[in-house]
Amino acid sequence: MNEIVSDVWDFKKDASGSWKWQRQSLRHELIRECERPFASFEECVADARRCGYSGSPSVSSEPQRDTRGRLLRGSRR
């Protein structure tokens, strides 16, 4: 079964070690982002879930992209 992706959730770890998330349209328009940074990836994902995230986040260190270079649901940095 193929999942239809309506938007992209991006999980990023910044230089200070804090985690943040963003929700973007397939056109890369910002829909929503977290209001504060999180100390752990798990806290970040939990906050994203409270804001509508329902995917399974990737465990790779680089974001996963489709053949057109668009971020895939649940990819993170």
PDB file of N, CA and C in Angstrom:
ATOM      1  N   MET A   1       0.841  -1.182   0.000  1.00  0.00           N
ATOM      2  CA  MET A   1       0.000   0.000   0.000  1.00  0.00           C
ATOM      3  C   MET A   1       0.881   1.239   0.000  1.00  0.00           C
ATOM      4  N   ASN A   2       0.619   2.167  -0.893  1.00  0.00           N
ATOM      5  CA  ASN A   2       1.381   3.409  -0.968  1.00  0.00           C
ATOM      6  C   ASN A   2       0.690   4.495  -0.159  1.00  0.00           C
ATOM      7  N   GLU A   3       1.482   5.230   0.606  1.00  0.00           N
ATOM      8  CA  GLU A   3       0.954   6.335   1.392  1.00  0.00           C
ATOM      9  C   GLU A   3       0.993   7.597   0.559  1.00  0.00           C
ATOM     10  N   ILE A   4      -0.086   8.360   0.545  1.00  0.00           N
ATOM     11  CA  ILE A   4      -0.128   9.628  -0.162  1.00  0.00           C
ATOM     12  C   ILE A   4       0.405  10.703   0.783  1.00  0.00           C
ATOM     13  N   VAL A   5       1.425  11.409   0.338  1.00  0.00           N
ATOM     14  CA  VAL A   5       2.047  12.436   1.161  1.00  0.00           C
ATOM     15  C   VAL A   5       1.431  13.781   0.821  1.00  0.00           C
ATOM     16  N   SER A   6       0.823  14.425   1.802  1.00  0.00           N
ATOM     17  CA  SER A   6       0.190  15.715   1.563  1.00  0.00           C
ATOM     18  C   SER A   6       1.077  16.866   2.033  1.00  0.00           C
ATOM     19  N   ASP A   7       2.001  16.606   2.904  1.00  0.00           N
ATOM     20  CA  ASP A   7       2.944  17.607   3.351  1.00  0.00           C
ATOM     21  C   ASP A   7       4.179  16.905   3.914  1.00  0.00           C
ATOM     22  N   VAL A   8       5.177  17.670   4.263  1.00  0.00           N
ATOM     23  CA  VAL A   8       6.469  17.137   4.674  1.00  0.00           C
ATOM     24  C   VAL A   8       6.787  17.621   6.081  1.00  0.00           C
ATOM     25  N   TRP A   9       7.202  16.699   6.916  1.00  0.00           N
ATOM     26  CA  TRP A   9       7.653  17.026   8.268  1.00  0.00           C
ATOM     27  C   TRP A   9       9.163  16.859   8.296  1.00  0.00           C
ATOM     28  N   ASP A  10       9.868  17.877   8.727  1.00  0.00           N
ATOM     29  CA  ASP A  10      11.329  17.847   8.750  1.00  0.00           C
ATOM     30  C   ASP A  10      11.796  18.003  10.191  1.00  0.00           C
ATOM     31  N   PHE A  11      12.609  17.069  10.655  1.00  0.00           N
ATOM     32  CA  PHE A  11      13.172  17.094  12.002  1.00  0.00           C
ATOM     33  C   PHE A  11      14.664  17.381  11.885  1.00  0.00           C
ATOM     34  N   LYS A  12      15.123  18.428  12.563  1.00  0.00           N
ATOM     35  CA  LYS A  12      16.518  18.851  12.435  1.00  0.00           C
ATOM     36  C   LYS A  12      17.170  19.030  13.806  1.00  0.00           C
ATOM     37  N   LYS A  13      18.430  18.677  13.861  1.00  0.00           N
ATOM     38  CA  LYS A  13      19.247  18.923  15.046  1.00  0.00           C
ATOM     39  C   LYS A  13      20.199  20.053  14.694  1.00  0.00           C
ATOM     40  N   ASP A  14      20.159  21.140  15.468  1.00  0.00           N
ATOM     41  CA  ASP A  14      21.008  22.282  15.145  1.00  0.00           C
ATOM     42  C   ASP A  14      22.400  22.146  15.769  1.00  0.00           C
ATOM     43  N   ALA A  15      23.242  23.125  15.527  1.00  0.00           N
ATOM     44  CA  ALA A  15      24.634  23.081  15.983  1.00  0.00           C
ATOM     45  C   ALA A  15      24.758  23.009  17.503  1.00  0.00           C
ATOM     46  N   SER A  16      23.761  23.514  18.232  1.00  0.00           N
ATOM     47  CA  SER A  16      23.808  23.480  19.695  1.00  0.00           C
ATOM     48  C   SER A  16      23.314  22.150  20.264  1.00  0.00           C
ATOM     49  N   GLY A  17      22.819  21.263  19.380  1.00  0.00           N
ATOM     50  CA  GLY A  17      22.321  19.959  19.824  1.00  0.00           C
ATOM     51  C   GLY A  17      20.833  19.925  20.095  1.00  0.00           C
ATOM     52  N   SER A  18      20.128  21.017  19.829  1.00  0.00           N
ATOM     53  CA  SER A  18      18.687  21.081  20.042  1.00  0.00           C
ATOM     54  C   SER A  18      17.939  20.595  18.811  1.00  0.00           C
ATOM     55  N   TRP A  19      16.778  19.987  19.043  1.00  0.00           N
ATOM     56  CA  TRP A  19      15.935  19.472  17.966  1.00  0.00           C
ATOM     57  C   TRP A  19      14.784  20.418  17.685  1.00  0.00           C
ATOM     58  N   LYS A  20      14.448  20.574  16.397  1.00  0.00           N
ATOM     59  CA  LYS A  20      13.310  21.392  15.964  1.00  0.00           C
ATOM     60  C   LYS A  20      12.594  20.659  14.841  1.00  0.00           C
ATOM     61  N   TRP A  21      11.308  20.974  14.648  1.00  0.00           N
ATOM     62  CA  TRP A  21      10.556  20.399  13.544  1.00  0.00           C
ATOM     63  C   TRP A  21       9.881  21.496  12.744  1.00  0.00           C
ATOM     64  N   GLN A  22       9.627  21.200  11.482  1.00  0.00           N
ATOM     65  CA  GLN A  22       8.860  22.068  10.596  1.00  0.00           C
ATOM     66  C   GLN A  22       7.913  21.208   9.775  1.00  0.00           C
ATOM     67  N   ARG A  23       6.760  21.768   9.481  1.00  0.00           N
ATOM     68  CA  ARG A  23       5.804  21.129   8.574  1.00  0.00           C
ATOM     69  C   ARG A  23       5.718  22.008   7.334  1.00  0.00           C
ATOM     70  N   GLN A  24       5.940  21.416   6.165  1.00  0.00           N
ATOM     71  CA  GLN A  24       5.949  22.167   4.912  1.00  0.00           C
ATOM     72  C   GLN A  24       5.004  21.513   3.909  1.00  0.00           C
ATOM     73  N   SER A  25       4.489  22.348   2.998  1.00  0.00           N
ATOM     74  CA  SER A  25       3.696  21.816   1.888  1.00  0.00           C
ATOM     75  C   SER A  25       4.651  21.165   0.898  1.00  0.00           C
ATOM     76  N   LEU A  26       4.111  20.428  -0.057  1.00  0.00           N
ATOM     77  CA  LEU A  26       4.947  19.822  -1.081  1.00  0.00           C
ATOM     78  C   LEU A  26       5.631  20.875  -1.950  1.00  0.00           C
ATOM     79  N   ARG A  27       5.145  22.098  -1.882  1.00  0.00           N
ATOM     80  CA  ARG A  27       5.771  23.223  -2.601  1.00  0.00           C
ATOM     81  C   ARG A  27       6.805  23.931  -1.724  1.00  0.00           C
ATOM     82  N   HIS A  28       7.135  23.330  -0.597  1.00  0.00           N
ATOM     83  CA  HIS A  28       8.128  23.839   0.354  1.00  0.00           C
ATOM     84  C   HIS A  28       7.694  25.131   1.053  1.00  0.00           C
ATOM     85  N   GLU A  29       6.393  25.365   1.142  1.00  0.00           N
ATOM     86  CA  GLU A  29       5.874  26.506   1.887  1.00  0.00           C
ATOM     87  C   GLU A  29       5.737  26.092   3.344  1.00  0.00           C
ATOM     88  N   LEU A  30       6.189  26.950   4.249  1.00  0.00           N
ATOM     89  CA  LEU A  30       6.101  26.650   5.677  1.00  0.00           C
ATOM     90  C   LEU A  30       4.649  26.683   6.124  1.00  0.00           C
ATOM     91  N   ILE A  31       4.198  25.590   6.723  1.00  0.00           N
ATOM     92  CA  ILE A  31       2.840  25.504   7.261  1.00  0.00           C
ATOM     93  C   ILE A  31       2.876  25.805   8.757  1.00  0.00           C
ATOM     94  N   ARG A  32       3.826  25.169   9.442  1.00  0.00           N
ATOM     95  CA  ARG A  32       3.938  25.356  10.894  1.00  0.00           C
ATOM     96  C   ARG A  32       5.309  24.874  11.332  1.00  0.00           C
ATOM     97  N   GLU A  33       5.776  25.405  12.458  1.00  0.00           N
ATOM     98  CA  GLU A  33       7.030  24.936  13.028  1.00  0.00           C
ATOM     99  C   GLU A  33       6.926  24.959  14.544  1.00  0.00           C
ATOM    100  N   CYS A  34       7.825  24.250  15.193  1.00  0.00           N
ATOM    101  CA  CYS A  34       7.770  24.186  16.654  1.00  0.00           C
ATOM    102  C   CYS A  34       8.019  25.580  17.236  1.00  0.00           C
ATOM    103  N   GLU A  35       7.468  25.780  18.421  1.00  0.00           N
ATOM    104  CA  GLU A  35       7.581  27.077  19.075  1.00  0.00           C
ATOM    105  C   GLU A  35       8.864  27.222  19.869  1.00  0.00           C
ATOM    106  N   ARG A  36       9.529  26.088  20.139  1.00  0.00           N
ATOM    107  CA  ARG A  36      10.772  26.123  20.921  1.00  0.00           C
ATOM    108  C   ARG A  36      11.626  24.917  20.562  1.00  0.00           C
ATOM    109  N   PRO A  37      12.921  24.973  20.850  1.00  0.00           N
ATOM    110  CA  PRO A  37      13.782  23.809  20.611  1.00  0.00           C
ATOM    111  C   PRO A  37      13.594  22.757  21.717  1.00  0.00           C
ATOM    112  N   PHE A  38      13.978  21.514  21.398  1.00  0.00           N
ATOM    113  CA  PHE A  38      13.846  20.406  22.340  1.00  0.00           C
ATOM    114  C   PHE A  38      15.199  19.758  22.587  1.00  0.00           C
ATOM    115  N   ALA A  39      15.405  19.296  23.807  1.00  0.00           N
ATOM    116  CA  ALA A  39      16.681  18.677  24.184  1.00  0.00           C
ATOM    117  C   ALA A  39      16.848  17.297  23.555  1.00  0.00           C
ATOM    118  N   SER A  40      15.745  16.605  23.300  1.00  0.00           N
ATOM    119  CA  SER A  40      15.852  15.257  22.726  1.00  0.00           C
ATOM    120  C   SER A  40      14.962  15.121  21.501  1.00  0.00           C
ATOM    121  N   PHE A  41      15.349  14.195  20.649  1.00  0.00           N
ATOM    122  CA  PHE A  41      14.568  13.901  19.451  1.00  0.00           C
ATOM    123  C   PHE A  41      13.175  13.408  19.843  1.00  0.00           C
ATOM    124  N   GLU A  42      13.089  12.583  20.866  1.00  0.00           N
ATOM    125  CA  GLU A  42      11.801  12.031  21.302  1.00  0.00           C
ATOM    126  C   GLU A  42      10.839  13.133  21.734  1.00  0.00           C
ATOM    127  N   GLU A  43      11.348  14.144  22.465  1.00  0.00           N
ATOM    128  CA  GLU A  43      10.504  15.276  22.872  1.00  0.00           C
ATOM    129  C   GLU A  43      10.015  16.058  21.653  1.00  0.00           C
ATOM    130  N   CYS A  44      10.899  16.212  20.686  1.00  0.00           N
ATOM    131  CA  CYS A  44      10.561  16.938  19.467  1.00  0.00           C
ATOM    132  C   CYS A  44       9.451  16.221  18.695  1.00  0.00           C
ATOM    133  N   VAL A  45       9.578  14.914  18.529  1.00  0.00           N
ATOM    134  CA  VAL A  45       8.564  14.129  17.820  1.00  0.00           C
ATOM    135  C   VAL A  45       7.239  14.157  18.585  1.00  0.00           C
ATOM    136  N   ALA A  46       7.295  14.071  19.904  1.00  0.00           N
ATOM    137  CA  ALA A  46       6.069  14.117  20.712  1.00  0.00           C
ATOM    138  C   ALA A  46       5.331  15.439  20.504  1.00  0.00           C
ATOM    139  N   ASP A  47       6.067  16.542  20.443  1.00  0.00           N
ATOM    140  CA  ASP A  47       5.447  17.845  20.201  1.00  0.00           C
ATOM    141  C   ASP A  47       4.847  17.891  18.796  1.00  0.00           C
ATOM    142  N   ALA A  48       5.573  17.368  17.813  1.00  0.00           N
ATOM    143  CA  ALA A  48       5.050  17.332  16.438  1.00  0.00           C
ATOM    144  C   ALA A  48       3.768  16.507  16.372  1.00  0.00           C
ATOM    145  N   ARG A  49       3.709  15.404  17.098  1.00  0.00           N
ATOM    146  CA  ARG A  49       2.492  14.577  17.126  1.00  0.00           C
ATOM    147  C   ARG A  49       1.309  15.364  17.694  1.00  0.00           C
ATOM    148  N   ARG A  50       1.554  16.185  18.707  1.00  0.00           N
ATOM    149  CA  ARG A  50       0.481  17.025  19.262  1.00  0.00           C
ATOM    150  C   ARG A  50      -0.019  18.034  18.232  1.00  0.00           C
ATOM    151  N   CYS A  51       0.806  18.298  17.228  1.00  0.00           N
ATOM    152  CA  CYS A  51       0.459  19.275  16.182  1.00  0.00           C
ATOM    153  C   CYS A  51       0.075  18.609  14.868  1.00  0.00           C
ATOM    154  N   GLY A  52      -0.189  17.294  14.890  1.00  0.00           N
ATOM    155  CA  GLY A  52      -0.716  16.620  13.720  1.00  0.00           C
ATOM    156  C   GLY A  52       0.190  15.612  13.043  1.00  0.00           C
ATOM    157  N   TYR A  53       1.434  15.476  13.470  1.00  0.00           N
ATOM    158  CA  TYR A  53       2.340  14.514  12.848  1.00  0.00           C
ATOM    159  C   TYR A  53       1.895  13.092  13.186  1.00  0.00           C
ATOM    160  N   SER A  54       1.844  12.228  12.172  1.00  0.00           N
ATOM    161  CA  SER A  54       1.419  10.853  12.413  1.00  0.00           C
ATOM    162  C   SER A  54       2.333   9.830  11.751  1.00  0.00           C
ATOM    163  N   GLY A  55       3.455  10.268  11.240  1.00  0.00           N
ATOM    164  CA  GLY A  55       4.360   9.367  10.544  1.00  0.00           C
ATOM    165  C   GLY A  55       5.317   8.655  11.473  1.00  0.00           C
ATOM    166  N   SER A  56       6.237   7.928  10.863  1.00  0.00           N
ATOM    167  CA  SER A  56       7.312   7.252  11.583  1.00  0.00           C
ATOM    168  C   SER A  56       8.613   7.937  11.199  1.00  0.00           C
ATOM    169  N   PRO A  57       9.218   8.671  12.114  1.00  0.00           N
ATOM    170  CA  PRO A  57      10.415   9.423  11.752  1.00  0.00           C
ATOM    171  C   PRO A  57      11.568   8.514  11.365  1.00  0.00           C
ATOM    172  N   SER A  58      12.336   8.957  10.429  1.00  0.00           N
ATOM    173  CA  SER A  58      13.511   8.240   9.964  1.00  0.00           C
ATOM    174  C   SER A  58      14.618   8.340  11.014  1.00  0.00           C
ATOM    175  N   VAL A  59      15.504   7.373  11.026  1.00  0.00           N
ATOM    176  CA  VAL A  59      16.619   7.400  11.956  1.00  0.00           C
ATOM    177  C   VAL A  59      17.930   7.734  11.256  1.00  0.00           C
ATOM    178  N   SER A  60      17.864   8.139   9.994  1.00  0.00           N
ATOM    179  CA  SER A  60      19.080   8.488   9.279  1.00  0.00           C
ATOM    180  C   SER A  60      19.584   9.856   9.710  1.00  0.00           C
ATOM    181  N   SER A  61      20.853  10.105   9.487  1.00  0.00           N
ATOM    182  CA  SER A  61      21.423  11.385   9.874  1.00  0.00           C
ATOM    183  C   SER A  61      21.200  12.449   8.802  1.00  0.00           C
ATOM    184  N   GLU A  62      20.875  12.040   7.607  1.00  0.00           N
ATOM    185  CA  GLU A  62      20.585  12.971   6.522  1.00  0.00           C
ATOM    186  C   GLU A  62      19.120  12.826   6.132  1.00  0.00           C
ATOM    187  N   PRO A  63      18.491  13.927   5.694  1.00  0.00           N
ATOM    188  CA  PRO A  63      17.094  13.826   5.289  1.00  0.00           C
ATOM    189  C   PRO A  63      16.942  12.921   4.077  1.00  0.00           C
ATOM    190  N   GLN A  64      15.860  12.185   4.028  1.00  0.00           N
ATOM    191  CA  GLN A  64      15.576  11.322   2.891  1.00  0.00           C
ATOM    192  C   GLN A  64      14.777  12.123   1.873  1.00  0.00           C
ATOM    193  N   ARG A  65      15.119  11.955   0.592  1.00  0.00           N
ATOM    194  CA  ARG A  65      14.466  12.706  -0.463  1.00  0.00           C
ATOM    195  C   ARG A  65      13.937  11.771  -1.533  1.00  0.00           C
ATOM    196  N   ASP A  66      12.878  12.222  -2.225  1.00  0.00           N
ATOM    197  CA  ASP A  66      12.364  11.439  -3.330  1.00  0.00           C
ATOM    198  C   ASP A  66      13.215  11.701  -4.572  1.00  0.00           C
ATOM    199  N   THR A  67      12.823  11.159  -5.713  1.00  0.00           N
ATOM    200  CA  THR A  67      13.625  11.292  -6.927  1.00  0.00           C
ATOM    201  C   THR A  67      13.683  12.722  -7.461  1.00  0.00           C
ATOM    202  N   ARG A  68      12.798  13.576  -6.992  1.00  0.00           N
ATOM    203  CA  ARG A  68      12.819  14.996  -7.389  1.00  0.00           C
ATOM    204  C   ARG A  68      13.533  15.868  -6.368  1.00  0.00           C
ATOM    205  N   GLY A  69      14.092  15.258  -5.331  1.00  0.00           N
ATOM    206  CA  GLY A  69      14.820  16.008  -4.320  1.00  0.00           C
ATOM    207  C   GLY A  69      13.971  16.556  -3.193  1.00  0.00           C
ATOM    208  N   ARG A  70      12.687  16.194  -3.158  1.00  0.00           N
ATOM    209  CA  ARG A  70      11.804  16.675  -2.093  1.00  0.00           C
ATOM    210  C   ARG A  70      11.973  15.807  -0.853  1.00  0.00           C
ATOM    211  N   LEU A  71      11.891  16.423   0.311  1.00  0.00           N
ATOM    212  CA  LEU A  71      11.994  15.683   1.562  1.00  0.00           C
ATOM    213  C   LEU A  71      10.833  14.718   1.702  1.00  0.00           C
ATOM    214  N   LEU A  72      11.118  13.528   2.200  1.00  0.00           N
ATOM    215  CA  LEU A  72      10.076  12.545   2.448  1.00  0.00           C
ATOM    216  C   LEU A  72       9.535  12.708   3.854  1.00  0.00           C
ATOM    217  N   ARG A  73       8.303  12.309   4.056  1.00  0.00           N
ATOM    218  CA  ARG A  73       7.649  12.391   5.360  1.00  0.00           C
ATOM    219  C   ARG A  73       8.514  11.731   6.428  1.00  0.00           C
ATOM    220  N   GLY A  74       8.692  12.451   7.539  1.00  0.00           N
ATOM    221  CA  GLY A  74       9.426  11.888   8.652  1.00  0.00           C
ATOM    222  C   GLY A  74      10.938  11.935   8.502  1.00  0.00           C
ATOM    223  N   SER A  75      11.465  12.567   7.477  1.00  0.00           N
ATOM    224  CA  SER A  75      12.920  12.625   7.368  1.00  0.00           C
ATOM    225  C   SER A  75      13.461  13.640   8.355  1.00  0.00           C
ATOM    226  N   ARG A  76      14.682  13.469   8.724  1.00  0.00           N
ATOM    227  CA  ARG A  76      15.265  14.371   9.714  1.00  0.00           C
ATOM    228  C   ARG A  76      16.747  14.567   9.433  1.00  0.00           C
ATOM    229  N   ARG A  77      17.292  15.578  10.064  1.00  0.00           N
ATOM    230  CA  ARG A  77      18.730  15.849   9.993  1.00  0.00           C
ATOM    231  C   ARG A  77      19.309  15.751  11.364  1.00  0.00           C
TER     232      ARG A  77
END
